[in-house]
């Protein structure tokens, strides 16, 4: 239990010390990607897959600590809507 508390405290501290630009990007990435031209080209598809495969957990940590679980679920739900249309394989 102590390890979890330490992890949670460290995550909160990282989210507090993050720049406003990073917080904005974490909260609004799905909105901006939804405005990208459809269908996505290979470059955007590759970038999104790299984000999803390598950075979704740190994103979840940052968003959860700064905006809460409900915000994470809303952003992921919005992302899921357009990913179904734009990304062939995840």
N, C-alpha and C. Protein backbone atom coordinates (compact mmCIF):
# COMPACT_ATOMS: atom_id res chain seq x y z
N UNK A 1 0.82 -1.19 0.00
CA UNK A 1 0.00 0.00 0.00
C UNK A 1 0.87 1.26 0.00
N UNK A 2 1.97 1.23 0.72
CA UNK A 2 2.87 2.38 0.75
C UNK A 2 3.43 2.69 -0.63
N UNK A 3 3.72 1.66 -1.40
CA UNK A 3 4.26 1.87 -2.75
C UNK A 3 3.23 2.57 -3.62
N UNK A 4 1.96 2.18 -3.50
CA UNK A 4 0.91 2.83 -4.29
C UNK A 4 0.75 4.29 -3.88
N UNK A 5 0.74 4.55 -2.60
CA UNK A 5 0.62 5.93 -2.13
C UNK A 5 1.78 6.78 -2.63
N UNK A 6 2.97 6.23 -2.59
CA UNK A 6 4.15 6.96 -3.07
C UNK A 6 4.01 7.23 -4.57
N UNK A 7 3.58 6.23 -5.34
CA UNK A 7 3.37 6.41 -6.77
C UNK A 7 2.33 7.49 -7.04
N UNK A 8 1.21 7.45 -6.33
CA UNK A 8 0.14 8.44 -6.52
C UNK A 8 0.62 9.84 -6.18
N UNK A 9 1.37 9.98 -5.10
CA UNK A 9 1.90 11.30 -4.71
C UNK A 9 2.89 11.82 -5.76
N UNK A 10 3.74 10.94 -6.27
CA UNK A 10 4.70 11.35 -7.29
C UNK A 10 3.98 11.76 -8.58
N UNK A 11 2.93 11.02 -8.94
CA UNK A 11 2.16 11.34 -10.15
C UNK A 11 1.48 12.70 -9.99
N UNK A 12 0.91 12.95 -8.83
CA UNK A 12 0.27 14.25 -8.59
C UNK A 12 1.27 15.38 -8.69
N UNK A 13 2.45 15.17 -8.13
CA UNK A 13 3.49 16.20 -8.18
C UNK A 13 3.94 16.45 -9.62
N UNK A 14 4.09 15.39 -10.41
CA UNK A 14 4.46 15.58 -11.82
C UNK A 14 3.39 16.36 -12.56
N UNK A 15 2.13 16.07 -12.28
CA UNK A 15 1.06 16.79 -12.99
C UNK A 15 0.99 18.25 -12.56
N UNK A 16 1.27 18.53 -11.30
CA UNK A 16 1.28 19.93 -10.82
C UNK A 16 2.42 20.72 -11.44
N UNK A 17 3.55 20.08 -11.66
CA UNK A 17 4.71 20.79 -12.17
C UNK A 17 4.75 20.84 -13.71
N UNK A 18 3.79 20.20 -14.37
CA UNK A 18 3.75 20.20 -15.83
C UNK A 18 3.39 21.59 -16.34
N UNK A 19 3.88 21.91 -17.51
CA UNK A 19 3.59 23.21 -18.11
C UNK A 19 2.12 23.28 -18.52
N UNK A 20 1.63 24.50 -18.66
CA UNK A 20 0.26 24.68 -19.13
C UNK A 20 0.07 24.10 -20.53
N UNK A 21 1.10 24.22 -21.36
CA UNK A 21 1.02 23.68 -22.72
C UNK A 21 0.85 22.16 -22.69
N UNK A 22 1.59 21.49 -21.81
CA UNK A 22 1.47 20.03 -21.71
C UNK A 22 0.09 19.64 -21.19
N UNK A 23 -0.41 20.37 -20.21
CA UNK A 23 -1.75 20.08 -19.69
C UNK A 23 -2.80 20.27 -20.77
N UNK A 24 -2.66 21.35 -21.55
CA UNK A 24 -3.59 21.60 -22.65
C UNK A 24 -3.54 20.46 -23.67
N UNK A 25 -2.33 20.06 -24.05
CA UNK A 25 -2.17 18.99 -25.03
C UNK A 25 -2.77 17.68 -24.53
N UNK A 26 -2.54 17.37 -23.27
CA UNK A 26 -3.09 16.13 -22.70
C UNK A 26 -4.61 16.14 -22.73
N UNK A 27 -5.20 17.27 -22.45
CA UNK A 27 -6.65 17.34 -22.36
C UNK A 27 -7.33 17.47 -23.72
N UNK A 28 -6.64 18.00 -24.71
CA UNK A 28 -7.30 18.34 -25.98
C UNK A 28 -6.82 17.59 -27.21
N UNK A 29 -5.98 16.57 -27.04
CA UNK A 29 -5.45 15.88 -28.22
C UNK A 29 -6.54 15.26 -29.07
N UNK A 30 -7.55 14.70 -28.46
CA UNK A 30 -8.60 14.03 -29.24
C UNK A 30 -9.38 15.04 -30.09
N UNK A 31 -9.62 16.21 -29.54
CA UNK A 31 -10.35 17.24 -30.28
C UNK A 31 -9.55 17.66 -31.52
N UNK A 32 -8.26 17.88 -31.33
CA UNK A 32 -7.43 18.32 -32.45
C UNK A 32 -7.30 17.22 -33.51
N UNK A 33 -7.13 15.98 -33.09
CA UNK A 33 -7.03 14.90 -34.07
C UNK A 33 -8.34 14.69 -34.81
N UNK A 34 -9.46 14.96 -34.16
CA UNK A 34 -10.75 14.79 -34.84
C UNK A 34 -10.92 15.79 -35.98
N UNK A 35 -10.14 16.86 -35.96
CA UNK A 35 -10.21 17.88 -37.01
C UNK A 35 -9.21 17.64 -38.13
N UNK A 36 -8.41 16.57 -38.02
CA UNK A 36 -7.45 16.24 -39.07
C UNK A 36 -8.21 15.73 -40.29
N UNK A 37 -7.64 15.90 -41.49
CA UNK A 37 -8.30 15.41 -42.70
C UNK A 37 -8.54 13.90 -42.63
N UNK A 38 -9.67 13.49 -43.18
CA UNK A 38 -10.01 12.05 -43.20
C UNK A 38 -9.94 11.58 -44.64
N UNK A 39 -9.48 10.43 -44.95
CA UNK A 39 -8.83 9.51 -44.02
C UNK A 39 -7.42 9.98 -43.70
N UNK A 40 -6.92 9.50 -42.61
CA UNK A 40 -5.56 9.88 -42.20
C UNK A 40 -4.56 9.33 -43.20
N UNK A 41 -3.48 10.09 -43.39
CA UNK A 41 -2.40 9.57 -44.21
C UNK A 41 -1.54 8.65 -43.35
N UNK A 42 -0.59 7.98 -43.99
CA UNK A 42 0.24 7.00 -43.27
C UNK A 42 1.05 7.64 -42.16
N UNK A 43 1.50 8.89 -42.36
CA UNK A 43 2.31 9.56 -41.35
C UNK A 43 1.51 9.79 -40.07
N UNK A 44 0.32 10.34 -40.20
CA UNK A 44 -0.51 10.60 -39.02
C UNK A 44 -0.94 9.29 -38.36
N UNK A 45 -1.23 8.30 -39.17
CA UNK A 45 -1.59 6.99 -38.63
C UNK A 45 -0.43 6.42 -37.81
N UNK A 46 0.79 6.53 -38.34
CA UNK A 46 1.98 6.04 -37.63
C UNK A 46 2.22 6.81 -36.32
N UNK A 47 2.09 8.13 -36.37
CA UNK A 47 2.29 8.95 -35.17
C UNK A 47 1.27 8.59 -34.10
N UNK A 48 0.01 8.43 -34.50
CA UNK A 48 -1.02 8.09 -33.52
C UNK A 48 -0.76 6.72 -32.92
N UNK A 49 -0.40 5.75 -33.73
CA UNK A 49 -0.13 4.41 -33.21
C UNK A 49 1.05 4.42 -32.26
N UNK A 50 2.08 5.22 -32.57
CA UNK A 50 3.23 5.34 -31.66
C UNK A 50 2.80 5.94 -30.33
N UNK A 51 1.96 6.98 -30.38
CA UNK A 51 1.43 7.57 -29.15
C UNK A 51 0.65 6.52 -28.36
N UNK A 52 -0.26 5.84 -29.02
CA UNK A 52 -1.12 4.88 -28.35
C UNK A 52 -0.30 3.75 -27.73
N UNK A 53 0.68 3.25 -28.46
CA UNK A 53 1.47 2.11 -27.98
C UNK A 53 2.51 2.48 -26.93
N UNK A 54 3.00 3.73 -26.96
CA UNK A 54 4.12 4.09 -26.10
C UNK A 54 3.82 5.15 -25.05
N UNK A 55 2.72 5.89 -25.20
CA UNK A 55 2.51 7.03 -24.31
C UNK A 55 1.12 7.11 -23.68
N UNK A 56 0.28 6.13 -23.94
CA UNK A 56 -1.08 6.23 -23.42
C UNK A 56 -1.11 6.15 -21.88
N UNK A 57 -0.25 5.37 -21.29
CA UNK A 57 -0.23 5.26 -19.82
C UNK A 57 0.25 6.56 -19.17
N UNK A 58 1.36 7.16 -19.63
CA UNK A 58 1.73 8.46 -19.06
C UNK A 58 0.65 9.53 -19.29
N UNK A 59 -0.02 9.47 -20.47
CA UNK A 59 -1.12 10.42 -20.71
C UNK A 59 -2.23 10.20 -19.69
N UNK A 60 -2.60 8.95 -19.49
CA UNK A 60 -3.66 8.63 -18.53
C UNK A 60 -3.31 9.13 -17.13
N UNK A 61 -2.07 8.94 -16.73
CA UNK A 61 -1.61 9.42 -15.42
C UNK A 61 -1.74 10.94 -15.32
N UNK A 62 -1.27 11.64 -16.34
CA UNK A 62 -1.30 13.11 -16.32
C UNK A 62 -2.74 13.62 -16.32
N UNK A 63 -3.56 13.08 -17.18
CA UNK A 63 -4.94 13.54 -17.30
C UNK A 63 -5.72 13.24 -16.01
N UNK A 64 -5.52 12.05 -15.48
CA UNK A 64 -6.23 11.65 -14.26
C UNK A 64 -5.86 12.57 -13.10
N UNK A 65 -4.59 12.85 -12.97
CA UNK A 65 -4.14 13.70 -11.85
C UNK A 65 -4.57 15.16 -12.02
N UNK A 66 -4.64 15.63 -13.25
CA UNK A 66 -4.98 17.03 -13.43
C UNK A 66 -6.48 17.29 -13.61
N UNK A 67 -7.20 16.35 -14.21
CA UNK A 67 -8.62 16.58 -14.48
C UNK A 67 -9.55 15.53 -13.88
N UNK A 68 -9.01 14.38 -13.49
CA UNK A 68 -9.85 13.35 -12.89
C UNK A 68 -10.21 12.24 -13.86
N UNK A 69 -10.71 11.15 -13.30
CA UNK A 69 -11.04 9.97 -14.10
C UNK A 69 -12.13 10.25 -15.12
N UNK A 70 -13.13 11.01 -14.74
CA UNK A 70 -14.22 11.32 -15.68
C UNK A 70 -13.68 11.97 -16.94
N UNK A 71 -12.74 12.89 -16.80
CA UNK A 71 -12.15 13.54 -17.96
C UNK A 71 -11.43 12.53 -18.84
N UNK A 72 -10.70 11.61 -18.24
CA UNK A 72 -10.01 10.57 -19.01
C UNK A 72 -11.01 9.79 -19.85
N UNK A 73 -12.11 9.41 -19.24
CA UNK A 73 -13.12 8.62 -19.95
C UNK A 73 -13.76 9.41 -21.08
N UNK A 74 -14.01 10.70 -20.87
CA UNK A 74 -14.59 11.54 -21.92
C UNK A 74 -13.62 11.66 -23.09
N UNK A 75 -12.36 11.97 -22.81
CA UNK A 75 -11.38 12.13 -23.88
C UNK A 75 -11.19 10.82 -24.64
N UNK A 76 -11.08 9.70 -23.93
CA UNK A 76 -10.92 8.41 -24.59
C UNK A 76 -12.15 8.06 -25.43
N UNK A 77 -13.32 8.39 -24.94
CA UNK A 77 -14.54 8.14 -25.70
C UNK A 77 -14.57 8.94 -26.98
N UNK A 78 -14.20 10.22 -26.90
CA UNK A 78 -14.14 11.06 -28.10
C UNK A 78 -13.09 10.52 -29.07
N UNK A 79 -11.94 10.14 -28.53
CA UNK A 79 -10.89 9.58 -29.38
C UNK A 79 -11.33 8.31 -30.07
N UNK A 80 -12.05 7.48 -29.36
CA UNK A 80 -12.51 6.21 -29.91
C UNK A 80 -13.44 6.43 -31.11
N UNK A 81 -14.25 7.46 -31.06
CA UNK A 81 -15.20 7.73 -32.14
C UNK A 81 -14.50 7.95 -33.48
N UNK A 82 -13.47 8.80 -33.48
CA UNK A 82 -12.85 9.08 -34.75
C UNK A 82 -11.77 8.08 -35.11
N UNK A 83 -11.20 7.40 -34.13
CA UNK A 83 -10.19 6.40 -34.43
C UNK A 83 -10.80 5.24 -35.21
N UNK A 84 -12.03 4.90 -34.90
CA UNK A 84 -12.72 3.84 -35.62
C UNK A 84 -12.81 4.17 -37.11
N UNK A 85 -12.91 5.44 -37.42
CA UNK A 85 -13.04 5.88 -38.80
C UNK A 85 -11.67 6.07 -39.46
N UNK A 86 -10.70 6.57 -38.68
CA UNK A 86 -9.44 7.04 -39.27
C UNK A 86 -8.28 6.07 -39.23
N UNK A 87 -8.27 5.16 -38.29
CA UNK A 87 -7.11 4.29 -38.12
C UNK A 87 -7.49 2.86 -38.50
N UNK A 88 -6.71 2.29 -39.37
CA UNK A 88 -7.04 0.95 -39.86
C UNK A 88 -6.71 -0.14 -38.84
N UNK A 89 -5.54 -0.04 -38.16
CA UNK A 89 -5.16 -1.07 -37.20
C UNK A 89 -4.48 -0.45 -36.01
N UNK A 90 -4.96 -0.81 -34.83
CA UNK A 90 -4.31 -0.37 -33.59
C UNK A 90 -3.99 -1.60 -32.79
